[in-house]
Protein backbone atom coordinates (compact mmCIF):
# COMPACT_ATOMS: atom_id res chain seq x y z
CA MET A 1 120.83 62.42 48.25
CA SER A 2 123.50 65.05 47.58
CA ASN A 3 125.78 66.32 50.35
CA GLU A 4 124.24 69.75 49.96
CA ARG A 5 120.73 68.36 50.52
CA LYS A 6 121.93 66.30 53.50
CA ASN A 7 123.29 69.47 55.10
CA GLU A 8 119.98 71.22 54.48
CA VAL A 9 118.06 68.34 56.13
CA LYS A 10 120.41 68.40 59.13
CA LEU A 11 119.89 72.12 59.47
CA GLU A 12 116.09 71.72 59.25
CA ASP A 13 116.15 68.96 61.90
CA LYS A 14 118.30 71.15 64.14
CA VAL A 15 115.86 74.07 63.86
CA ILE A 16 112.84 71.80 64.55
CA HIS A 17 114.63 70.27 67.54
CA LYS A 18 115.40 73.72 68.94
CA LYS A 19 111.80 74.83 68.50
CA ASN A 20 110.41 71.70 70.19
CA PHE A 21 112.91 72.03 73.04
CA PHE A 22 112.01 75.71 73.43
CA LYS A 23 108.27 74.91 73.58
CA LYS A 24 108.87 72.11 76.10
CA ILE A 25 110.88 74.39 78.39
CA MET A 26 108.22 77.11 78.16
CA TYR A 27 105.39 74.64 78.87
CA ASN A 28 107.12 73.20 81.93
CA HIS A 29 107.83 76.65 83.33
CA LYS A 30 104.67 78.47 82.25
CA SER A 31 103.75 79.33 85.83
CA ILE A 32 107.08 81.11 86.30
CA PHE A 33 106.09 83.74 83.77
CA SER A 34 102.58 84.35 85.07
CA PRO A 35 102.48 87.83 86.64
CA LYS A 36 101.04 88.26 90.11
CA LEU A 37 98.99 91.41 90.61
CA ILE A 38 99.72 93.59 93.62
CA ASP A 39 96.62 94.08 95.75
CA ASP A 40 94.59 97.19 94.92
CA ALA A 41 95.07 98.31 98.53
CA PHE A 42 98.62 99.32 97.53
CA SER A 43 97.54 101.39 94.49
CA ALA A 44 97.80 104.70 96.31
CA LEU A 45 101.21 103.73 97.67
CA LEU A 46 102.54 102.92 94.18
CA LEU A 47 101.33 106.29 92.88
CA GLU A 48 102.82 108.12 95.85
CA ALA A 49 106.16 106.39 95.29
CA GLU A 50 106.33 107.77 91.76
CA ASP A 51 105.32 111.24 92.95
CA THR A 52 108.04 111.10 95.60
CA ALA A 53 110.72 110.06 93.11
CA PHE A 54 109.87 112.88 90.69
CA SER A 55 109.55 115.41 93.53
CA LEU A 56 113.05 114.44 94.64
CA PHE A 57 114.24 114.80 91.07
CA PHE A 58 112.88 118.34 90.72
CA GLN A 59 113.85 119.42 94.24
CA ASN A 60 117.43 118.25 93.71
CA LYS A 61 117.57 120.34 90.54
CA ALA A 62 116.06 123.36 92.29
CA GLN A 63 118.28 123.04 95.37
CA LYS A 64 121.44 124.75 94.19
CA GLY A 65 123.97 124.86 96.97
CA THR A 66 123.96 125.61 100.67
CA ILE A 67 124.22 128.79 102.72
CA ALA A 68 127.64 129.97 103.91
CA ARG A 69 128.35 132.98 106.13
CA LYS A 70 131.45 135.11 106.42
CA LYS A 71 132.24 137.78 109.03
CA ILE A 72 133.98 140.84 107.69
CA LYS A 73 134.76 143.76 110.03
CA GLY A 74 132.14 142.64 112.50
CA LYS A 75 129.35 142.25 109.94
CA THR A 76 127.97 138.95 108.63
CA TYR A 77 127.55 138.42 104.91
CA VAL A 78 125.72 135.53 103.26
CA TYR A 79 126.95 133.47 100.28
CA LEU A 80 125.49 130.61 98.27
CA GLN A 81 128.02 127.76 98.28
CA THR A 82 127.94 125.38 95.30
CA TYR A 83 130.22 122.53 94.26
CA LYS A 84 131.10 121.74 90.66
CA ASN A 85 133.97 119.96 88.91
CA GLY A 86 135.79 119.37 92.20
CA LYS A 87 135.70 123.04 93.25
CA TYR A 88 133.59 125.16 95.62
CA LYS A 89 132.06 128.35 94.28
CA TYR A 90 130.73 131.15 96.48
CA THR A 91 128.07 133.53 95.14
CA TYR A 92 127.50 136.66 97.17
CA LEU A 93 123.88 137.20 98.27
CA GLY A 94 124.18 140.19 100.60
CA PRO A 95 124.22 141.20 104.29
CA GLU A 96 122.63 138.78 106.75
CA ASN A 97 119.93 141.28 107.83
CA ASN A 98 118.82 142.11 104.28
CA SER A 99 115.13 141.18 103.77
CA LYS A 100 115.71 139.50 100.38
CA VAL A 101 118.63 137.50 101.78
CA ILE A 102 116.51 136.41 104.76
CA GLU A 103 113.82 135.21 102.34
CA ILE A 104 116.37 133.26 100.25
CA VAL A 105 117.82 131.61 103.38
CA GLU A 106 114.35 130.64 104.64
CA ASN A 107 113.42 129.13 101.26
CA ILE A 108 116.61 127.07 101.20
CA LYS A 109 115.90 125.84 104.74
CA LYS A 110 112.37 124.80 103.71
CA LYS A 111 113.72 122.97 100.67
CA ARG A 112 116.23 121.10 102.85
CA VAL A 113 113.42 120.01 105.21
CA LEU A 114 111.34 118.88 102.24
CA LEU A 115 114.27 116.99 100.73
CA LYS A 116 114.88 115.21 104.03
CA HIS A 117 111.20 114.23 104.21
CA LEU A 118 111.18 112.97 100.59
CA LYS A 119 114.33 110.90 101.14
CA GLU A 120 112.78 109.30 104.23
CA ARG A 121 109.67 108.47 102.19
CA GLU A 122 111.84 107.03 99.43
CA LYS A 123 113.55 104.67 101.91
CA LEU A 124 110.14 103.56 103.21
CA PHE A 125 108.89 102.79 99.69
CA ILE A 126 112.03 100.80 98.88
CA LYS A 127 111.51 98.66 102.00
CA THR A 128 107.84 98.15 101.13
CA PHE A 129 108.66 97.16 97.55
CA LYS A 130 111.14 94.60 98.87
CA LYS A 131 108.44 93.07 101.10
CA LEU A 132 105.98 92.99 98.19
CA GLY A 133 108.52 91.15 96.02
CA ILE A 134 109.09 93.89 93.43
CA ILE A 135 112.44 93.26 91.79
CA PRO A 136 114.95 96.13 92.01
CA VAL A 137 118.01 97.02 89.98
CA SER A 138 121.18 97.20 92.04
CA GLY A 139 124.92 97.80 92.09
CA VAL A 140 126.61 99.55 89.17
CA MET A 141 123.46 99.33 87.06
CA GLU A 142 121.47 101.31 89.65
CA THR A 143 124.23 103.92 89.93
CA ILE A 144 124.44 104.40 86.15
CA LEU A 145 120.67 104.67 85.78
CA GLN A 146 120.50 107.17 88.65
CA ASN A 147 123.15 109.35 86.99
CA LEU A 148 121.41 109.17 83.62
CA SER A 149 118.13 110.14 85.27
CA GLU A 150 119.65 113.03 87.22
CA GLY A 151 121.25 114.24 83.99
CA GLY A 152 117.84 114.31 82.29
CA ILE A 153 118.90 111.65 79.76
CA ILE A 154 116.17 109.12 80.61
CA SER A 155 113.83 111.28 82.70
CA GLY A 156 112.07 112.97 79.82
CA GLU A 157 114.28 116.03 79.36
CA SER A 158 116.54 114.55 76.67
CA GLY A 159 115.23 111.05 76.05
CA ILE A 160 113.32 108.05 77.32
CA LEU A 161 114.38 104.58 78.44
CA ILE A 162 113.45 101.54 76.36
CA GLY A 163 114.44 97.86 76.32
CA THR A 164 114.41 95.34 79.15
CA LEU A 165 115.23 97.93 81.81
CA ALA A 166 112.06 99.83 80.94
CA PHE A 167 110.27 96.57 81.75
CA PHE A 168 111.35 96.99 85.40
CA SER A 169 109.38 100.21 85.64
CA TYR A 170 106.08 98.58 84.68
CA GLN A 171 106.12 96.57 87.91
CA VAL A 172 105.32 99.72 89.87
CA LYS A 173 103.34 101.49 87.14
CA LEU A 174 100.92 98.58 86.60
CA GLY A 175 101.27 96.98 90.03
CA PHE A 176 102.51 93.44 89.45
CA ILE A 177 105.29 91.13 90.55
CA ILE A 178 107.61 89.01 88.41
CA PRO A 179 109.04 85.90 90.10
CA LYS A 180 112.81 86.19 90.59
CA GLU A 181 113.43 83.14 88.40
CA THR A 182 112.20 84.98 85.29
CA PRO A 183 115.18 85.33 82.93
CA VAL A 184 113.92 88.54 81.30
CA ILE A 185 114.93 90.63 84.29
CA ARG A 186 118.64 90.27 83.64
CA THR A 187 120.30 92.66 81.22
CA SER A 188 123.61 94.48 80.94
CA ASP A 189 122.46 97.01 78.36
CA VAL A 190 120.97 100.42 78.99
CA ASP A 191 119.00 101.44 75.89
CA ILE A 192 118.12 105.08 75.46
CA GLY A 193 115.46 105.66 72.83
CA ARG A 194 115.47 108.95 70.95
CA ALA A 195 113.26 110.29 68.20
CA ASP A 196 114.04 113.30 66.01
CA VAL A 197 110.77 114.97 66.99
CA ILE A 198 111.95 115.30 70.58
CA THR A 199 114.87 117.40 69.38
CA LEU A 200 112.63 120.42 69.35
CA ILE A 201 112.11 120.31 73.10
CA THR A 202 115.63 119.32 74.19
CA LYS A 203 118.75 121.31 74.92
CA LEU A 204 121.41 120.24 72.46
CA PRO A 205 123.96 118.90 72.58
CA VAL A 206 123.86 116.54 75.56
CA ASN A 207 127.24 115.14 76.52
CA LEU A 208 126.88 111.66 77.98
CA SER A 209 130.53 111.46 79.04
CA GLU A 210 130.24 114.58 81.21
CA ILE A 211 127.23 113.13 83.03
CA LEU A 212 128.84 109.73 83.48
CA LYS A 213 132.06 111.23 84.89
CA LYS A 214 130.24 111.40 88.23
CA LEU A 215 130.62 107.64 88.46
CA GLY A 216 134.39 107.95 88.75
CA ASP A 217 134.78 105.02 86.36
CA THR A 218 135.64 104.92 82.70
CA PHE A 219 133.33 104.44 79.75
CA VAL A 220 134.96 103.54 76.46
CA PRO A 221 133.57 103.53 72.92
CA GLU A 222 132.59 100.21 71.34
CA GLY A 223 131.31 99.19 67.95
CA ARG A 224 131.89 100.76 64.59
CA ILE A 225 132.57 104.46 64.35
CA SER A 226 130.14 106.57 62.34
CA GLU A 227 131.08 110.10 61.31
CA GLY A 228 133.77 110.08 63.99
CA PHE A 229 131.46 109.00 66.81
CA PRO A 230 131.03 105.60 68.52
CA LEU A 231 127.63 103.90 68.48
CA ARG A 232 127.76 102.86 72.12
CA LEU A 233 129.66 103.39 75.36
CA VAL A 234 130.81 100.51 77.56
CA HIS A 235 131.53 100.68 81.27
CA LEU A 236 134.98 99.14 81.76
CA ASN A 237 134.43 97.61 85.21
CA SER A 238 131.00 96.08 84.62
CA GLY A 239 130.66 95.78 80.84
CA ILE A 240 127.33 97.64 80.94
CA LYS A 241 126.56 99.20 77.56
CA ILE A 242 124.80 102.43 76.73
CA GLU A 243 123.30 102.75 73.27
CA VAL A 244 121.39 105.56 71.66
CA LEU A 245 118.61 104.52 69.30
CA ALA A 246 116.72 106.62 66.79
CA VAL A 247 113.96 106.23 64.24
CA LYS A 248 115.12 104.73 60.96
CA LYS A 249 114.21 106.81 57.93
CA GLY A 250 114.95 105.42 54.50
CA ASN A 251 118.12 103.35 54.26
CA LYS A 252 120.14 105.33 56.81
CA GLU A 253 121.52 103.04 59.51
CA VAL A 254 123.07 105.76 61.62
CA ILE A 255 121.81 109.16 62.77
CA PRO A 256 124.67 111.60 63.46
CA PRO A 257 125.00 112.95 67.02
CA LEU A 258 123.52 116.32 66.00
CA LYS A 259 120.18 114.64 65.28
CA SER A 260 120.33 112.05 68.04
CA GLY A 261 120.88 114.79 70.57
CA PHE A 262 123.96 113.30 72.20
CA SER A 263 127.25 114.98 71.39
CA ASP A 264 129.56 112.05 72.01
CA VAL A 265 127.58 109.01 70.78
CA GLY A 266 125.99 108.36 67.39
CA ALA A 267 122.48 106.95 67.29
CA LEU A 268 121.72 103.57 65.76
CA ALA A 269 118.68 103.90 63.49
CA LEU A 270 116.09 101.15 63.97
CA ALA A 271 112.71 100.59 62.35
CA TYR A 272 109.42 100.86 64.31
CA ILE A 273 111.07 102.73 67.24
CA ASP A 274 108.78 105.72 66.65
CA PHE A 275 105.83 103.53 67.68
CA LEU A 276 107.39 103.49 71.16
CA MET A 277 108.14 107.20 71.20
CA ASP A 278 104.69 108.67 70.49
CA THR A 279 103.17 108.43 73.98
CA PRO A 280 105.88 108.06 76.64
CA ILE A 281 104.78 107.86 80.27
CA SER A 282 106.42 108.75 83.56
CA ALA A 283 107.47 105.82 85.74
CA ILE A 284 110.05 104.73 88.28
CA ILE A 285 112.62 101.96 88.27
CA PRO A 286 112.93 100.56 91.80
CA GLY A 287 116.49 100.29 93.04
CA GLU A 288 118.01 99.08 96.30
CA ARG A 289 119.01 102.64 97.25
CA HIS A 290 116.90 104.92 95.05
CA LEU A 291 113.62 105.17 93.20
CA ILE A 292 114.80 106.23 89.76
CA PRO A 293 112.45 108.54 87.81
CA VAL A 294 112.28 107.71 84.11
CA TYR A 295 110.13 108.11 81.02
CA VAL A 296 109.31 104.89 79.16
CA PRO A 297 106.99 103.79 76.32
CA SER A 298 103.40 103.08 77.31
CA PRO A 299 103.15 99.37 78.28
CA GLU A 300 100.64 98.44 75.56
CA ARG A 301 102.91 99.86 72.84
CA PHE A 302 105.94 98.22 74.43
CA ALA A 303 104.17 94.83 74.35
CA LEU A 304 102.99 95.08 70.72
CA HIS A 305 106.42 96.27 69.62
CA LYS A 306 107.97 93.25 71.37
CA LEU A 307 105.78 90.93 69.26
CA ILE A 308 107.13 92.51 66.07
CA VAL A 309 110.69 92.17 67.35
CA ALA A 310 110.05 88.55 68.40
CA GLY A 311 108.79 87.72 64.89
CA LYS A 312 111.84 89.35 63.39
CA ARG A 313 114.08 87.36 65.74
CA ALA A 314 112.25 84.07 65.10
CA SER A 315 115.49 82.35 64.08
CA THR A 316 117.18 83.41 67.35
CA LEU A 317 114.99 81.56 69.83
CA LEU A 318 116.47 82.80 73.09
CA LYS A 319 116.09 86.45 72.09
CA ALA A 320 112.62 85.83 70.71
CA GLN A 321 111.75 84.07 73.98
CA LYS A 322 112.65 87.17 76.01
CA ASP A 323 110.54 89.39 73.77
CA VAL A 324 107.48 87.11 73.87
CA ILE A 325 107.70 86.71 77.66
CA GLN A 326 107.76 90.47 78.19
CA ALA A 327 104.88 90.97 75.74
CA TYR A 328 102.82 88.24 77.39
CA ILE A 329 103.34 89.56 80.92
CA LEU A 330 102.35 93.12 80.02
CA LEU A 331 99.34 92.08 77.90
CA LYS A 332 98.19 89.72 80.65
CA VAL A 333 98.51 92.39 83.35
CA LEU A 334 96.70 95.00 81.24
CA SER A 335 93.90 92.48 80.60
CA LEU A 336 93.61 91.63 84.28
CA ARG A 337 93.54 95.33 85.10
CA GLY A 338 90.68 95.87 82.66
CA GLU A 339 92.79 98.02 80.32
CA THR A 340 92.09 96.18 77.07
CA ALA A 341 90.92 99.47 75.52
CA LEU A 342 94.51 100.72 75.68
CA ILE A 343 95.69 97.61 73.82
CA GLU A 344 93.00 98.06 71.16
CA GLU A 345 93.85 101.72 70.65
CA ALA A 346 97.57 100.96 70.27
CA PHE A 347 96.81 98.06 67.93
CA GLU A 348 94.65 100.28 65.71
CA GLU A 349 97.54 102.72 65.30
CA LEU A 350 99.97 99.86 64.68
CA LYS A 351 97.66 98.49 62.02
CA LYS A 352 97.19 101.89 60.41
CA LYS A 353 100.86 102.90 60.34
CA TYR A 354 102.89 99.70 60.15
CA LEU A 355 100.93 96.52 59.48
CA LYS A 356 100.16 97.78 55.99
CA PHE A 357 103.76 96.81 55.18
CA LYS A 358 104.00 93.12 54.33
CA LYS A 359 107.30 92.52 56.11
CA VAL A 360 106.14 94.14 59.37
CA LYS A 361 102.82 92.30 59.19
CA ASN A 362 104.64 88.97 58.80
CA TYR A 363 106.86 89.73 61.80
CA PHE A 364 103.82 90.63 63.89
CA GLN A 365 101.91 87.50 62.89
CA LYS A 366 104.91 85.35 63.82
CA GLY A 367 105.02 87.11 67.19
CA LEU A 368 101.31 86.43 67.72
CA LYS A 369 101.87 82.79 66.82
CA PHE A 370 104.64 82.53 69.42
CA LEU A 371 102.34 84.15 71.97
CA HIS A 372 99.57 81.65 71.31
CA GLU A 373 101.78 78.55 71.10
CA LEU A 374 103.83 79.31 74.20
CA PHE A 375 101.18 80.75 76.49
CA ASP A 376 97.85 79.82 74.87
CA PHE A 377 97.16 83.55 74.92
CA ASN A 378 95.54 85.64 72.21
CA LEU A 379 95.66 89.39 71.75
CA PRO A 380 92.66 90.79 73.72
CA ILE A 381 91.16 92.85 70.90
CA THR A 382 87.80 92.72 69.12
CA SER A 383 88.95 93.82 65.64
């Protein structure tokens, strides 16, 4: 046998060994990845938590400043005090006894009372989630996500959140619990999915750096530069990465910032991302201090997309493992919740738009094979 053939055999044995080891680990820990449904008695609470988070989001945007009064020659005048870029700004409203000014002051007072009530509710939900076992994000990750949400980057105004962090949001949206030992819950990347079609309803450009300045820490560019712009930003203290993704069209690997919608980061063009973008849903990511309002792909599309990605990553077992686990958990929960119609509908669109391409179909079939071999689970569809 030639040396070249010996090397090939060694490589084949190594791959087989890795696959067998992977299957053994998954079999021994299968129960770890089985989702536990939250009792239906908490359904209303989960919905109210999302409503509270989005109400806080909109109220914080509407609440612009506080009331300040100044006495000039014995008369009291009212100003709206706002704070921006380290400076206070005072906007004159009028004399204190003016009817329109009185109305403005009363409205601001009502908004402050409402904000206080919403924040108290938010704290209560966070405590309840902790008791239920819902896993939160925390630390720097929570702070970054909160800033991105407040800036409209991942809360539907300029983009939606995808990737493993979006997976956190499905806990509350679908009402299930992932055991803390599950490895899929750990990630240092924040993926922001963008599609060109959203450009029509966004305010361009969006400057990520300006929004992230609130953190008081530095983000630096990483990765290759395209048309003068970096493809991701990295938080110096934590190493957390922010990437902008866009739909791949033709052979273009990079979408310039003008099309991605972000003025200081280029968008990495990936195939099949548009499948995630078509029907985004509102959701919340539970944190230790905040409930973070976000928009994410619908869970059934997220799961099917993960199977394609898993098939594509078949040679990288650890990454494929993460994708299959997430797909399995979501498909299992949707099945247990009696939502198989959603899976079928998403599958029909996947089949119509993407599975007609041989390469994509092969990736998807590999993902299905992983799903069956690792969890003895088949896609709950009739067609």
